[in-house]
């Protein structure tokens, strides 16, 4: 699985790459993650309109998901960057870049004397050529050599949980650090706080939590490791990093939480119904409840772990 495959599963858990039963046909491509159809999926001008409309709808849902996720967790990521002292002249690698927000923040901090290498297997989110200090490169962190060396900072958010060779990907990033350089990895952990509505105060909240459980069952059906995030500190230590620390971010309610949930449910609606985990009526009611803006909906817990190369 490449970095662009299986991303629908990012926000609540991550692929368990141990042997699993044969997958069901037409697995969901993105659950709480970044659905970016490959170039080969782009419709031609002569393609039937339904296909073009479906791709446009999926892209719009992914754009909504990305914006909501960035609104929730970019401040967490940037707080860690600030703590590391990112500044002029730093060489940074944003691995698995899924949008412009983190790349742009780093570019402003490192300035013209620095460098920001942004890589992913799919860079379709970038609609214009990169300008210094940013360089964009198509790259698979689990299969290719690092795109450079002696980086001061390497950041990977929602990356390690969705590559087939987690150890190789992590080893590649550690090798690319300069001595004293920092690695920050961030992934979700669905089991630390499994409820969508921690304050289950009425039937709307009960329905929301039942659907969240349905999503968790869907993830389990596809062999997802729901507890991946908590393993990050150990993985960093095993990779040889020093001064390893970690923390967790758990948004309890905000408009971005609601937008994230709405985009998620709309993306997995068909699969939830097909597996008898929810009915169309359940989902319609849930989306209607979300649209009122009066529900406190929690986002998945994001684990941030960081360490330093000796």
Protein backbone atom coordinates (compact mmCIF):
# COMPACT_ATOMS: atom_id res chain seq x y z
CA UNK A 1 0.00 0.00 0.00
CA UNK A 2 1.42 3.37 -0.93
CA UNK A 3 1.01 6.60 0.96
CA UNK A 4 -2.02 7.49 -1.11
CA UNK A 5 -3.78 4.14 -0.68
CA UNK A 6 -5.97 3.40 2.30
CA UNK A 7 -6.01 6.97 3.58
CA UNK A 8 -9.70 6.82 4.31
CA UNK A 9 -8.62 4.95 7.41
CA UNK A 10 -6.24 7.56 8.76
CA UNK A 11 -8.15 9.56 11.29
CA UNK A 12 -9.38 6.74 13.53
CA UNK A 13 -6.68 4.16 13.07
CA UNK A 14 -4.03 2.66 10.86
CA UNK A 15 -3.38 -0.40 8.81
CA UNK A 16 -2.21 -3.45 10.71
CA UNK A 17 0.32 -4.85 8.25
CA UNK A 18 0.32 -8.31 9.75
CA UNK A 19 -1.27 -10.95 7.50
CA UNK A 20 -5.00 -10.30 7.18
CA UNK A 21 -7.88 -12.08 5.49
CA UNK A 22 -8.33 -11.25 1.84
CA UNK A 23 -9.84 -7.76 1.55
CA UNK A 24 -13.35 -7.28 0.37
CA UNK A 25 -13.74 -5.78 -3.09
CA UNK A 26 -13.92 -2.02 -3.43
CA UNK A 27 -12.39 -1.21 -0.06
CA UNK A 28 -12.96 2.38 1.02
CA UNK A 29 -10.14 4.56 -0.20
CA UNK A 30 -10.27 7.08 2.61
CA UNK A 31 -11.73 7.21 6.11
CA UNK A 32 -10.71 10.36 7.91
CA UNK A 33 -7.87 10.75 5.45
CA UNK A 34 -6.84 12.27 2.16
CA UNK A 35 -8.63 10.95 -0.92
CA UNK A 36 -6.68 12.24 -3.89
CA UNK A 37 -7.39 10.28 -7.08
CA UNK A 38 -4.27 9.49 -9.06
CA UNK A 39 -3.62 11.04 -12.41
CA UNK A 40 -4.78 7.85 -14.08
CA UNK A 41 -8.16 8.34 -12.43
CA UNK A 42 -8.72 11.78 -13.88
CA UNK A 43 -11.68 11.79 -16.28
CA UNK A 44 -11.12 12.79 -19.86
CA UNK A 45 -13.30 15.33 -21.59
CA UNK A 46 -15.01 12.46 -23.41
CA UNK A 47 -15.74 10.43 -20.27
CA UNK A 48 -19.36 10.05 -19.14
CA UNK A 49 -20.57 12.86 -16.92
CA UNK A 50 -21.54 10.58 -13.97
CA UNK A 51 -17.92 9.53 -13.50
CA UNK A 52 -16.69 13.10 -13.69
CA UNK A 53 -19.35 14.20 -11.23
CA UNK A 54 -18.44 11.42 -8.80
CA UNK A 55 -14.75 12.34 -8.87
CA UNK A 56 -15.62 15.98 -8.35
CA UNK A 57 -17.80 15.05 -5.37
CA UNK A 58 -15.08 12.92 -3.83
CA UNK A 59 -12.49 15.65 -4.30
CA UNK A 60 -14.77 18.17 -2.62
CA UNK A 61 -15.27 15.85 0.36
CA UNK A 62 -11.52 15.34 0.69
CA UNK A 63 -10.87 19.07 0.50
CA UNK A 64 -13.40 19.54 3.30
CA UNK A 65 -11.73 16.81 5.36
CA UNK A 66 -8.27 18.28 4.85
CA UNK A 67 -9.38 21.77 5.82
CA UNK A 68 -11.06 20.51 8.99
CA UNK A 69 -8.11 18.34 9.99
CA UNK A 70 -5.68 21.21 9.42
CA UNK A 71 -7.83 23.58 11.46
CA UNK A 72 -7.84 21.12 14.35
CA UNK A 73 -4.26 19.90 14.36
CA UNK A 74 -2.01 22.39 12.55
CA UNK A 75 -1.76 24.47 15.76
CA UNK A 76 -0.55 21.34 17.57
CA UNK A 77 2.10 20.67 14.95
CA UNK A 78 3.20 24.31 14.82
CA UNK A 79 3.50 24.45 18.62
CA UNK A 80 6.01 21.61 18.47
CA UNK A 81 7.91 23.29 15.64
CA UNK A 82 8.14 26.46 17.72
CA UNK A 83 9.44 24.44 20.65
CA UNK A 84 12.19 23.01 18.47
CA UNK A 85 13.24 26.53 17.49
CA UNK A 86 12.64 26.21 13.74
CA UNK A 87 14.08 29.33 12.15
CA UNK A 88 16.12 30.87 9.34
CA UNK A 89 18.40 28.50 7.49
CA UNK A 90 16.81 25.26 8.72
CA UNK A 91 16.60 22.31 6.34
CA UNK A 92 13.21 20.59 6.72
CA UNK A 93 11.59 17.54 5.16
CA UNK A 94 7.79 17.30 5.24
CA UNK A 95 7.22 13.61 4.50
CA UNK A 96 3.82 12.55 3.21
CA UNK A 97 2.73 16.15 2.63
CA UNK A 98 -1.04 16.18 2.07
CA UNK A 99 -1.63 19.91 1.74
CA UNK A 100 0.04 23.31 1.72
CA UNK A 101 -0.52 24.52 5.29
CA UNK A 102 2.46 22.90 7.04
CA UNK A 103 4.75 23.44 4.05
CA UNK A 104 3.87 27.14 3.90
CA UNK A 105 4.40 27.61 7.64
CA UNK A 106 7.84 26.02 7.46
CA UNK A 107 8.80 28.04 4.37
CA UNK A 108 8.06 31.31 6.16
CA UNK A 109 10.11 30.23 9.16
CA UNK A 110 13.23 28.98 7.34
CA UNK A 111 13.31 31.88 4.90
CA UNK A 112 15.43 32.16 1.73
CA UNK A 113 18.50 30.61 3.38
CA UNK A 114 16.60 27.46 4.38
CA UNK A 115 14.95 24.59 2.55
CA UNK A 116 11.62 22.78 2.77
CA UNK A 117 11.46 19.46 0.95
CA UNK A 118 7.82 18.37 0.65
CA UNK A 119 7.27 14.81 -0.55
CA UNK A 120 4.38 12.39 -1.06
CA UNK A 121 3.33 9.74 -3.54
CA UNK A 122 0.58 12.12 -4.67
CA UNK A 123 1.07 15.89 -4.81
CA UNK A 124 -2.17 16.67 -6.63
CA UNK A 125 -3.10 19.15 -3.89
CA UNK A 126 -0.45 21.54 -5.25
CA UNK A 127 -1.88 23.49 -8.17
CA UNK A 128 1.14 25.70 -8.83
CA UNK A 129 4.93 25.20 -9.18
CA UNK A 130 6.92 25.34 -5.96
CA UNK A 131 9.09 28.38 -5.31
CA UNK A 132 12.21 28.53 -3.10
CA UNK A 133 12.72 27.59 -0.37
CA UNK A 134 10.13 24.87 -1.15
CA UNK A 135 10.85 21.86 -3.33
CA UNK A 136 8.10 19.36 -4.18
CA UNK A 137 9.00 15.79 -5.06
CA UNK A 138 6.97 12.63 -5.68
CA UNK A 139 8.46 10.13 -3.25
CA UNK A 140 7.51 6.96 -1.36
CA UNK A 141 9.16 7.05 2.06
CA UNK A 142 8.69 3.29 2.53
CA UNK A 143 10.26 2.29 -0.78
CA UNK A 144 12.80 4.92 -1.83
CA UNK A 145 15.97 6.46 -0.48
CA UNK A 146 15.55 9.76 1.40
CA UNK A 147 15.25 12.82 -0.86
CA UNK A 148 18.22 14.45 0.87
CA UNK A 149 20.32 14.31 3.98
CA UNK A 150 21.33 16.26 7.08
CA UNK A 151 17.89 17.68 7.70
CA UNK A 152 17.41 19.73 10.85
CA UNK A 153 13.75 18.71 11.07
CA UNK A 154 11.68 15.90 9.56
CA UNK A 155 7.93 15.82 10.08
CA UNK A 156 5.50 13.02 9.17
CA UNK A 157 1.80 13.33 10.05
CA UNK A 158 -0.54 10.41 9.28
CA UNK A 159 2.29 8.63 7.46
CA UNK A 160 3.73 5.73 9.46
CA UNK A 161 0.34 4.11 9.97
CA UNK A 162 -0.36 3.85 6.27
CA UNK A 163 2.84 2.53 4.71
CA UNK A 164 3.44 -1.21 4.26
CA UNK A 165 6.97 -1.12 5.72
CA UNK A 166 6.79 1.07 8.80
CA UNK A 167 10.28 0.19 10.01
CA UNK A 168 11.90 1.05 6.69
CA UNK A 169 10.06 4.36 6.49
CA UNK A 170 11.14 5.33 9.99
CA UNK A 171 14.71 4.19 9.38
CA UNK A 172 14.82 6.28 6.19
CA UNK A 173 13.76 9.41 8.06
CA UNK A 174 16.19 8.86 10.92
CA UNK A 175 19.08 8.33 8.50
CA UNK A 176 18.26 11.62 6.77
CA UNK A 177 18.60 13.66 9.99
CA UNK A 178 21.78 15.50 10.81
CA UNK A 179 23.29 14.75 14.23
CA UNK A 180 21.12 16.64 16.69
CA UNK A 181 18.26 16.88 14.17
CA UNK A 182 14.65 16.37 15.25
CA UNK A 183 12.01 13.94 14.01
CA UNK A 184 8.32 14.64 14.77
CA UNK A 185 5.80 11.93 13.88
CA UNK A 186 2.06 12.29 14.47
CA UNK A 187 -0.71 9.73 14.15
CA UNK A 188 -4.13 9.09 15.60
CA UNK A 189 -5.15 6.58 18.25
CA UNK A 190 -8.83 5.65 18.10
CA UNK A 191 -8.97 3.63 21.29
CA UNK A 192 -7.68 6.24 23.73
CA UNK A 193 -11.02 8.07 23.46
CA UNK A 194 -13.52 6.05 21.38
CA UNK A 195 -16.62 8.26 21.71
CA UNK A 196 -17.78 10.86 19.23
CA UNK A 197 -19.90 12.46 21.99
CA UNK A 198 -18.21 12.02 25.39
CA UNK A 199 -21.23 13.80 26.90
CA UNK A 200 -23.93 11.34 25.83
CA UNK A 201 -26.81 13.54 26.97
CA UNK A 202 -29.61 12.54 24.60
CA UNK A 203 -30.75 10.41 21.65
CA UNK A 204 -28.76 12.49 19.15
CA UNK A 205 -25.55 11.81 21.05
CA UNK A 206 -26.42 8.14 21.46
CA UNK A 207 -26.89 7.82 17.71
CA UNK A 208 -23.60 9.60 17.10
CA UNK A 209 -21.72 7.22 19.39
CA UNK A 210 -23.42 4.22 17.79
CA UNK A 211 -22.29 5.38 14.36
CA UNK A 212 -18.77 5.98 15.66
CA UNK A 213 -18.79 2.39 16.89
CA UNK A 214 -19.94 1.36 13.43
CA UNK A 215 -16.98 3.19 11.93
CA UNK A 216 -14.66 1.40 14.35
CA UNK A 217 -16.18 -1.92 13.30
CA UNK A 218 -15.61 -0.95 9.68
CA UNK A 219 -11.97 -0.22 10.45
CA UNK A 220 -11.58 -3.57 12.20
CA UNK A 221 -13.19 -5.25 9.20
CA UNK A 222 -10.37 -3.86 7.06
CA UNK A 223 -7.54 -4.88 9.39
CA UNK A 224 -6.83 -1.48 10.88
CA UNK A 225 -4.59 -1.03 13.92
CA UNK A 226 -6.72 1.28 16.07
CA UNK A 227 -4.01 1.72 18.73
CA UNK A 228 -1.13 2.69 16.46
CA UNK A 229 -0.64 6.21 17.82
CA UNK A 230 0.38 5.11 21.30
CA UNK A 231 3.26 3.05 19.88
CA UNK A 232 5.08 6.04 18.40
CA UNK A 233 7.38 6.80 21.37
CA UNK A 234 8.56 3.20 21.48
CA UNK A 235 9.11 3.15 17.73
CA UNK A 236 11.26 6.29 17.93
CA UNK A 237 13.38 4.83 20.73
CA UNK A 238 13.79 1.56 18.84
CA UNK A 239 14.95 3.58 15.84
CA UNK A 240 17.78 4.99 17.93
CA UNK A 241 16.49 8.48 18.72
CA UNK A 242 17.30 10.14 22.03
CA UNK A 243 15.28 12.43 24.30
CA UNK A 244 12.00 10.92 23.10
CA UNK A 245 8.83 12.64 24.29
CA UNK A 246 5.17 12.52 23.30
CA UNK A 247 1.86 14.16 24.01
CA UNK A 248 -1.76 13.87 22.91
CA UNK A 249 -4.27 16.36 21.50
CA UNK A 250 -7.98 15.69 21.94
CA UNK A 251 -10.35 18.34 20.54
CA UNK A 252 -13.69 18.04 22.36
CA UNK A 253 -15.85 20.32 20.22
CA UNK A 254 -15.49 22.95 17.50
CA UNK A 255 -16.92 23.69 14.04
CA UNK A 256 -13.90 21.85 12.60
CA UNK A 257 -14.80 18.73 14.60
CA UNK A 258 -18.28 18.82 13.07
CA UNK A 259 -16.89 19.34 9.56
CA UNK A 260 -14.49 16.42 10.03
CA UNK A 261 -17.28 14.12 11.17
CA UNK A 262 -19.62 15.17 8.37
CA UNK A 263 -16.98 14.59 5.69
CA UNK A 264 -16.04 11.24 7.21
CA UNK A 265 -19.58 9.88 7.40
CA UNK A 266 -20.40 10.97 3.86
CA UNK A 267 -17.30 9.19 2.56
CA UNK A 268 -18.02 5.86 4.28
CA UNK A 269 -21.80 5.95 4.12
CA UNK A 270 -22.15 3.25 1.48
CA UNK A 271 -19.83 0.84 3.27
CA UNK A 272 -21.52 1.30 6.64
CA UNK A 273 -24.88 0.48 5.07
CA UNK A 274 -23.50 -2.44 3.06
CA UNK A 275 -22.08 -4.05 6.21
CA UNK A 276 -25.31 -3.43 8.16
CA UNK A 277 -23.46 -1.15 10.56
CA UNK A 278 -25.96 1.67 9.96
CA UNK A 279 -29.01 2.46 7.88
CA UNK A 280 -29.46 5.32 5.45
CA UNK A 281 -32.07 6.73 7.84
CA UNK A 282 -29.54 6.64 10.72
CA UNK A 283 -26.98 8.50 8.64
CA UNK A 284 -29.47 11.07 7.40
CA UNK A 285 -30.53 11.81 10.98
CA UNK A 286 -26.93 12.06 12.13
CA UNK A 287 -25.97 14.47 9.34
CA UNK A 288 -29.05 16.54 10.13
CA UNK A 289 -28.06 16.68 13.81
CA UNK A 290 -24.56 17.79 12.86
CA UNK A 291 -25.92 20.55 10.64
CA UNK A 292 -27.66 22.21 13.60
CA UNK A 293 -24.28 23.16 15.06
CA UNK A 294 -25.55 22.26 18.53
CA UNK A 295 -23.74 18.96 19.09
CA UNK A 296 -20.42 18.60 20.89
CA UNK A 297 -18.49 16.25 18.60
CA UNK A 298 -14.99 15.13 19.53
CA UNK A 299 -12.17 14.55 17.06
CA UNK A 300 -9.85 11.54 17.19
CA UNK A 301 -6.88 11.77 19.55
CA UNK A 302 -3.66 12.80 17.80
CA UNK A 303 -0.42 11.49 19.30
CA UNK A 304 2.68 13.60 18.65
CA UNK A 305 6.04 11.95 19.36
CA UNK A 306 9.45 13.44 18.82
CA UNK A 307 13.11 12.65 19.40
CA UNK A 308 16.62 13.72 18.55
CA UNK A 309 19.35 12.01 16.59
CA UNK A 310 22.54 11.44 18.57
